[in-house]
Amino acid sequence: MRVFSKSKTNEEILNAIDSCTTMVSCCNLLYGTNSGATRRVIRKVMEDHGIDPLVFKKKQKDLVDAKDIVKVCPVCSKEFNARIGKKESETCSHSCANKIYRRGRRSGLWKDSVYRTTCFLYHKKECVVCGEKLVVAVHHADGDKKNNDPRNLIPLCPTHHQYMHSKHRHVIEGVVKEYVESFSAQYCTEDVLPL
């Protein structure tokens, strides 16, 4: 066995084993280096004093367990262990997280200023009057282009959208008004999720 210039007593080595959580930190604390020779010296002292060779793994597991808390997933109501820290989990899985964070206003992709995106998250991409699906415009029911509430956005084909802004609005106004009322009633009574 190699002799170190900084030889340590068994008591110093035992104190280091108690205070360190890894073999590497123990070697560095005692000898300033982590080598096979320093690990062998520490293992020999552990063996002579009946210390479990897995003592460092047990300490690391205890540290991990101490940092976990039990939470309830808001999506599926399952209990799960969440790690305390910067990225503390809100949900039990990626699938549940996607159900919360990839939809609607909580999504990082959400843009209130893009009214078409908002409209087609809540409404089918088809004209409410004729059912046209290829080319669909979005009409603001109250005329306020800054009001991008889903109840204010109505999908219309370009022809019927033009009707709403002309003297011929009376031709389709009843159908549009009926659609807005039925959607608003559904939107207010239920927590309508985007399509």
C-alpha atoms as a PDB file:
ATOM      1  CA  MET A   1       0.000   0.000   0.000  1.00  0.00           C
ATOM      2  CA  ARG A   2       1.241   3.479  -0.893  1.00  0.00           C
ATOM      3  CA  VAL A   3       2.308   5.768   1.945  1.00  0.00           C
ATOM      4  CA  PHE A   4       0.893   9.315   1.779  1.00  0.00           C
ATOM      5  CA  SER A   5       2.817  12.365   2.823  1.00  0.00           C
ATOM      6  CA  LYS A   6      -0.316  13.427   4.709  1.00  0.00           C
ATOM      7  CA  SER A   7      -1.109  10.251   6.651  1.00  0.00           C
ATOM      8  CA  LYS A   8      -4.301  10.406   8.672  1.00  0.00           C
ATOM      9  CA  THR A   9      -5.324   8.670  11.857  1.00  0.00           C
ATOM     10  CA  ASN A  10      -8.242   6.279  11.904  1.00  0.00           C
ATOM     11  CA  GLU A  11     -10.178   8.810  13.982  1.00  0.00           C
ATOM     12  CA  GLU A  12      -9.710  11.537  11.329  1.00  0.00           C
ATOM     13  CA  ILE A  13     -10.841   9.151   8.601  1.00  0.00           C
ATOM     14  CA  LEU A  14     -13.910   8.072  10.614  1.00  0.00           C
ATOM     15  CA  ASN A  15     -14.858  11.727  11.227  1.00  0.00           C
ATOM     16  CA  ALA A  16     -14.528  12.427   7.493  1.00  0.00           C
ATOM     17  CA  ILE A  17     -16.743   9.417   6.665  1.00  0.00           C
ATOM     18  CA  ASP A  18     -19.406  10.739   9.058  1.00  0.00           C
ATOM     19  CA  SER A  19     -19.313  14.282   7.669  1.00  0.00           C
ATOM     20  CA  CYS A  20     -19.123  13.529   3.918  1.00  0.00           C
ATOM     21  CA  THR A  21     -21.901  12.334   1.624  1.00  0.00           C
ATOM     22  CA  THR A  22     -19.702  10.841  -1.113  1.00  0.00           C
ATOM     23  CA  MET A  23     -16.462   8.888  -1.304  1.00  0.00           C
ATOM     24  CA  VAL A  24     -15.013  11.602  -3.577  1.00  0.00           C
ATOM     25  CA  SER A  25     -15.720  14.386  -1.079  1.00  0.00           C
ATOM     26  CA  CYS A  26     -14.255  12.230   1.695  1.00  0.00           C
ATOM     27  CA  CYS A  27     -11.018  11.626  -0.298  1.00  0.00           C
ATOM     28  CA  ASN A  28     -10.741  15.300  -1.190  1.00  0.00           C
ATOM     29  CA  LEU A  29     -11.309  16.373   2.418  1.00  0.00           C
ATOM     30  CA  LEU A  30      -8.655  14.014   3.798  1.00  0.00           C
ATOM     31  CA  TYR A  31      -5.995  13.967   1.084  1.00  0.00           C
ATOM     32  CA  GLY A  32      -6.872  16.747  -1.348  1.00  0.00           C
ATOM     33  CA  THR A  33      -7.168  14.203  -4.166  1.00  0.00           C
ATOM     34  CA  ASN A  34      -9.470  11.437  -5.286  1.00  0.00           C
ATOM     35  CA  SER A  35      -7.453   8.430  -6.426  1.00  0.00           C
ATOM     36  CA  GLY A  36      -7.682   4.677  -6.184  1.00  0.00           C
ATOM     37  CA  ALA A  37      -5.073   4.714  -3.405  1.00  0.00           C
ATOM     38  CA  THR A  38      -7.016   7.200  -1.246  1.00  0.00           C
ATOM     39  CA  ARG A  39     -10.262   5.243  -1.745  1.00  0.00           C
ATOM     40  CA  ARG A  40      -8.500   2.000  -0.744  1.00  0.00           C
ATOM     41  CA  VAL A  41      -7.267   3.588   2.515  1.00  0.00           C
ATOM     42  CA  ILE A  42     -10.778   4.780   3.386  1.00  0.00           C
ATOM     43  CA  ARG A  43     -12.357   1.415   2.458  1.00  0.00           C
ATOM     44  CA  LYS A  44      -9.791  -0.402   4.653  1.00  0.00           C
ATOM     45  CA  VAL A  45     -10.669   1.779   7.673  1.00  0.00           C
ATOM     46  CA  MET A  46     -14.386   1.235   6.986  1.00  0.00           C
ATOM     47  CA  GLU A  47     -13.843  -2.527   6.829  1.00  0.00           C
ATOM     48  CA  ASP A  48     -11.761  -2.560  10.045  1.00  0.00           C
ATOM     49  CA  HIS A  49     -14.491  -0.650  11.928  1.00  0.00           C
ATOM     50  CA  GLY A  50     -17.462  -2.593  10.489  1.00  0.00           C
ATOM     51  CA  ILE A  51     -18.886   0.334   8.520  1.00  0.00           C
ATOM     52  CA  ASP A  52     -21.237  -0.641   5.683  1.00  0.00           C
ATOM     53  CA  PRO A  53     -19.508  -0.022   2.315  1.00  0.00           C
ATOM     54  CA  LEU A  54     -22.775   1.468   1.003  1.00  0.00           C
ATOM     55  CA  VAL A  55     -22.806   4.192   3.662  1.00  0.00           C
ATOM     56  CA  PHE A  56     -22.317   6.957   1.086  1.00  0.00           C
ATOM     57  CA  LYS A  57     -25.135   5.682  -1.157  1.00  0.00           C
ATOM     58  CA  LYS A  58     -27.466   5.570   1.864  1.00  0.00           C
ATOM     59  CA  LYS A  59     -26.555   9.164   2.773  1.00  0.00           C
ATOM     60  CA  GLN A  60     -27.261  10.303  -0.798  1.00  0.00           C
ATOM     61  CA  LYS A  61     -30.636   8.520  -0.774  1.00  0.00           C
ATOM     62  CA  ASP A  62     -31.507  10.210   2.530  1.00  0.00           C
ATOM     63  CA  LEU A  63     -30.658  13.594   0.985  1.00  0.00           C
ATOM     64  CA  VAL A  64     -32.863  12.882  -2.024  1.00  0.00           C
ATOM     65  CA  ASP A  65     -35.742  11.693   0.147  1.00  0.00           C
ATOM     66  CA  ALA A  66     -35.490  14.800   2.305  1.00  0.00           C
ATOM     67  CA  LYS A  67     -35.918  17.030  -0.767  1.00  0.00           C
ATOM     68  CA  ASP A  68     -39.090  15.307  -1.997  1.00  0.00           C
ATOM     69  CA  ILE A  69     -42.595  16.312  -0.951  1.00  0.00           C
ATOM     70  CA  VAL A  70     -45.886  14.589  -1.687  1.00  0.00           C
ATOM     71  CA  LYS A  71     -48.251  16.521  -3.963  1.00  0.00           C
ATOM     72  CA  VAL A  72     -51.550  15.821  -5.663  1.00  0.00           C
ATOM     73  CA  CYS A  73     -51.675  16.192  -9.449  1.00  0.00           C
ATOM     74  CA  PRO A  74     -54.301  18.845 -10.383  1.00  0.00           C
ATOM     75  CA  VAL A  75     -55.155  16.966 -13.610  1.00  0.00           C
ATOM     76  CA  CYS A  76     -55.519  13.293 -12.616  1.00  0.00           C
ATOM     77  CA  SER A  77     -55.607  13.619  -8.770  1.00  0.00           C
ATOM     78  CA  LYS A  78     -52.792  11.069  -8.300  1.00  0.00           C
ATOM     79  CA  GLU A  79     -50.317  11.563  -5.452  1.00  0.00           C
ATOM     80  CA  PHE A  80     -46.688  11.930  -6.547  1.00  0.00           C
ATOM     81  CA  ASN A  81     -43.300  12.899  -5.099  1.00  0.00           C
ATOM     82  CA  ALA A  82     -42.132  16.337  -6.195  1.00  0.00           C
ATOM     83  CA  ARG A  83     -38.598  17.571  -5.794  1.00  0.00           C
ATOM     84  CA  ILE A  84     -38.270  20.872  -3.961  1.00  0.00           C
ATOM     85  CA  GLY A  85     -36.229  23.413  -5.881  1.00  0.00           C
ATOM     86  CA  LYS A  86     -36.213  25.637  -8.941  1.00  0.00           C
ATOM     87  CA  LYS A  87     -38.191  23.262 -11.151  1.00  0.00           C
ATOM     88  CA  GLU A  88     -40.686  21.886  -8.666  1.00  0.00           C
ATOM     89  CA  SER A  89     -43.215  19.690 -10.467  1.00  0.00           C
ATOM     90  CA  GLU A  90     -46.809  20.843 -10.594  1.00  0.00           C
ATOM     91  CA  THR A  91     -48.073  17.617 -12.190  1.00  0.00           C
ATOM     92  CA  CYS A  92     -47.266  13.923 -11.992  1.00  0.00           C
ATOM     93  CA  SER A  93     -46.192  13.515 -15.634  1.00  0.00           C
ATOM     94  CA  HIS A  94     -45.421  15.267 -18.915  1.00  0.00           C
ATOM     95  CA  SER A  95     -48.809  14.183 -20.217  1.00  0.00           C
ATOM     96  CA  CYS A  96     -50.652  15.917 -17.367  1.00  0.00           C
ATOM     97  CA  ALA A  97     -48.426  19.000 -17.684  1.00  0.00           C
ATOM     98  CA  ASN A  98     -49.311  19.281 -21.367  1.00  0.00           C
ATOM     99  CA  LYS A  99     -53.009  19.277 -20.493  1.00  0.00           C
ATOM    100  CA  ILE A 100     -52.479  22.387 -18.364  1.00  0.00           C
ATOM    101  CA  TYR A 101     -49.629  24.306 -19.972  1.00  0.00           C
ATOM    102  CA  ARG A 102     -50.102  23.627 -23.691  1.00  0.00           C
ATOM    103  CA  ARG A 103     -53.667  24.903 -23.873  1.00  0.00           C
ATOM    104  CA  GLY A 104     -55.314  28.274 -23.661  1.00  0.00           C
ATOM    105  CA  ARG A 105     -54.010  31.287 -21.809  1.00  0.00           C
ATOM    106  CA  ARG A 106     -51.533  29.313 -19.640  1.00  0.00           C
ATOM    107  CA  SER A 107     -49.671  28.153 -22.738  1.00  0.00           C
ATOM    108  CA  GLY A 108     -46.364  29.808 -23.506  1.00  0.00           C
ATOM    109  CA  LEU A 109     -47.561  29.896 -27.105  1.00  0.00           C
ATOM    110  CA  TRP A 110     -50.667  31.944 -26.287  1.00  0.00           C
ATOM    111  CA  LYS A 111     -50.913  35.334 -27.968  1.00  0.00           C
ATOM    112  CA  ASP A 112     -53.864  37.567 -27.133  1.00  0.00           C
ATOM    113  CA  SER A 113     -52.883  39.899 -29.940  1.00  0.00           C
ATOM    114  CA  VAL A 114     -53.364  37.157 -32.557  1.00  0.00           C
ATOM    115  CA  TYR A 115     -57.152  37.035 -32.596  1.00  0.00           C
ATOM    116  CA  ARG A 116     -57.327  34.330 -35.299  1.00  0.00           C
ATOM    117  CA  THR A 117     -55.388  31.918 -33.079  1.00  0.00           C
ATOM    118  CA  THR A 118     -57.708  32.655 -30.167  1.00  0.00           C
ATOM    119  CA  CYS A 119     -60.817  32.286 -32.329  1.00  0.00           C
ATOM    120  CA  PHE A 120     -59.872  28.916 -33.790  1.00  0.00           C
ATOM    121  CA  LEU A 121     -58.891  27.523 -30.403  1.00  0.00           C
ATOM    122  CA  TYR A 122     -62.515  27.921 -29.274  1.00  0.00           C
ATOM    123  CA  HIS A 123     -64.528  27.796 -32.512  1.00  0.00           C
ATOM    124  CA  LYS A 124     -64.503  25.396 -35.441  1.00  0.00           C
ATOM    125  CA  LYS A 125     -62.659  26.784 -38.432  1.00  0.00           C
ATOM    126  CA  GLU A 126     -65.787  27.162 -40.550  1.00  0.00           C
ATOM    127  CA  CYS A 127     -68.236  29.914 -41.384  1.00  0.00           C
ATOM    128  CA  VAL A 128     -71.146  29.938 -38.910  1.00  0.00           C
ATOM    129  CA  VAL A 129     -73.550  30.924 -41.718  1.00  0.00           C
ATOM    130  CA  CYS A 130     -72.675  28.692 -44.693  1.00  0.00           C
ATOM    131  CA  GLY A 131     -70.158  26.160 -43.321  1.00  0.00           C
ATOM    132  CA  GLU A 132     -67.282  27.237 -45.632  1.00  0.00           C
ATOM    133  CA  LYS A 133     -64.038  25.616 -44.387  1.00  0.00           C
ATOM    134  CA  LEU A 134     -61.356  26.555 -46.924  1.00  0.00           C
ATOM    135  CA  VAL A 135     -61.167  30.316 -46.370  1.00  0.00           C
ATOM    136  CA  VAL A 136     -62.366  31.602 -42.998  1.00  0.00           C
ATOM    137  CA  ALA A 137     -62.109  35.144 -41.655  1.00  0.00           C
ATOM    138  CA  VAL A 138     -62.735  36.311 -38.081  1.00  0.00           C
ATOM    139  CA  HIS A 139     -65.315  38.989 -37.245  1.00  0.00           C
ATOM    140  CA  HIS A 140     -65.292  40.975 -33.972  1.00  0.00           C
ATOM    141  CA  ALA A 141     -68.930  41.005 -32.857  1.00  0.00           C
ATOM    142  CA  ASP A 142     -68.698  44.273 -30.898  1.00  0.00           C
ATOM    143  CA  GLY A 143     -66.509  45.971 -33.505  1.00  0.00           C
ATOM    144  CA  ASP A 144     -63.625  46.425 -31.026  1.00  0.00           C
ATOM    145  CA  LYS A 145     -60.530  44.858 -32.616  1.00  0.00           C
ATOM    146  CA  LYS A 146     -58.730  44.858 -29.258  1.00  0.00           C
ATOM    147  CA  ASN A 147     -61.399  42.675 -27.603  1.00  0.00           C
ATOM    148  CA  ASN A 148     -60.135  39.162 -28.348  1.00  0.00           C
ATOM    149  CA  ASP A 149     -62.423  37.356 -25.950  1.00  0.00           C
ATOM    150  CA  PRO A 150     -63.586  34.091 -27.593  1.00  0.00           C
ATOM    151  CA  ARG A 151     -67.232  35.237 -27.160  1.00  0.00           C
ATOM    152  CA  ASN A 152     -66.478  38.292 -29.316  1.00  0.00           C
ATOM    153  CA  LEU A 153     -64.801  36.392 -32.172  1.00  0.00           C
ATOM    154  CA  ILE A 154     -66.983  34.865 -34.895  1.00  0.00           C
ATOM    155  CA  PRO A 155     -65.661  32.704 -37.733  1.00  0.00           C
ATOM    156  CA  LEU A 156     -67.145  33.803 -41.081  1.00  0.00           C
ATOM    157  CA  CYS A 157     -66.248  33.215 -44.714  1.00  0.00           C
ATOM    158  CA  PRO A 158     -64.977  36.346 -46.525  1.00  0.00           C
ATOM    159  CA  THR A 159     -68.338  36.864 -48.234  1.00  0.00           C
ATOM    160  CA  HIS A 160     -70.369  36.779 -45.021  1.00  0.00           C
ATOM    161  CA  HIS A 161     -67.704  38.814 -43.210  1.00  0.00           C
ATOM    162  CA  GLN A 162     -68.140  41.472 -45.887  1.00  0.00           C
ATOM    163  CA  TYR A 163     -71.940  41.293 -45.372  1.00  0.00           C
ATOM    164  CA  MET A 164     -71.408  42.135 -41.662  1.00  0.00           C
ATOM    165  CA  HIS A 165     -69.567  45.314 -42.673  1.00  0.00           C
ATOM    166  CA  SER A 166     -72.047  46.417 -45.341  1.00  0.00           C
ATOM    167  CA  LYS A 167     -75.652  47.567 -45.728  1.00  0.00           C
ATOM    168  CA  HIS A 168     -76.592  43.870 -46.240  1.00  0.00           C
ATOM    169  CA  ARG A 169     -75.775  42.804 -42.680  1.00  0.00           C
ATOM    170  CA  HIS A 170     -79.514  42.250 -41.970  1.00  0.00           C
ATOM    171  CA  VAL A 171     -79.401  39.183 -44.290  1.00  0.00           C
ATOM    172  CA  ILE A 172     -77.167  37.165 -41.927  1.00  0.00           C
ATOM    173  CA  GLU A 173     -77.378  39.106 -38.670  1.00  0.00           C
ATOM    174  CA  GLY A 174     -79.987  36.770 -37.146  1.00  0.00           C
ATOM    175  CA  VAL A 175     -77.878  33.630 -37.773  1.00  0.00           C
ATOM    176  CA  VAL A 176     -74.749  35.293 -36.374  1.00  0.00           C
ATOM    177  CA  LYS A 177     -76.581  36.631 -33.322  1.00  0.00           C
ATOM    178  CA  GLU A 178     -78.061  33.194 -32.592  1.00  0.00           C
ATOM    179  CA  TYR A 179     -74.582  31.594 -32.847  1.00  0.00           C
ATOM    180  CA  VAL A 180     -73.054  34.200 -30.513  1.00  0.00           C
ATOM    181  CA  GLU A 181     -75.825  33.703 -27.917  1.00  0.00           C
ATOM    182  CA  SER A 182     -75.542  29.896 -27.954  1.00  0.00           C
ATOM    183  CA  PHE A 183     -71.728  30.030 -27.713  1.00  0.00           C
ATOM    184  CA  SER A 184     -71.828  32.638 -24.925  1.00  0.00           C
ATOM    185  CA  ALA A 185     -74.328  30.560 -22.947  1.00  0.00           C
ATOM    186  CA  GLN A 186     -72.128  27.475 -23.292  1.00  0.00           C
ATOM    187  CA  TYR A 187     -68.967  29.478 -22.537  1.00  0.00           C
ATOM    188  CA  CYS A 188     -70.439  30.977 -19.339  1.00  0.00           C
ATOM    189  CA  THR A 189     -71.975  27.780 -17.932  1.00  0.00           C
ATOM    190  CA  GLU A 190     -69.025  25.476 -18.634  1.00  0.00           C
ATOM    191  CA  ASP A 191     -65.320  25.976 -18.410  1.00  0.00           C
ATOM    192  CA  VAL A 192     -64.908  25.743 -22.184  1.00  0.00           C
ATOM    193  CA  LEU A 193     -61.532  24.348 -23.137  1.00  0.00           C
ATOM    194  CA  PRO A 194     -60.000  25.129 -26.491  1.00  0.00           C
ATOM    195  CA  LEU A 195     -60.754  22.634 -29.250  1.00  0.00           C
END
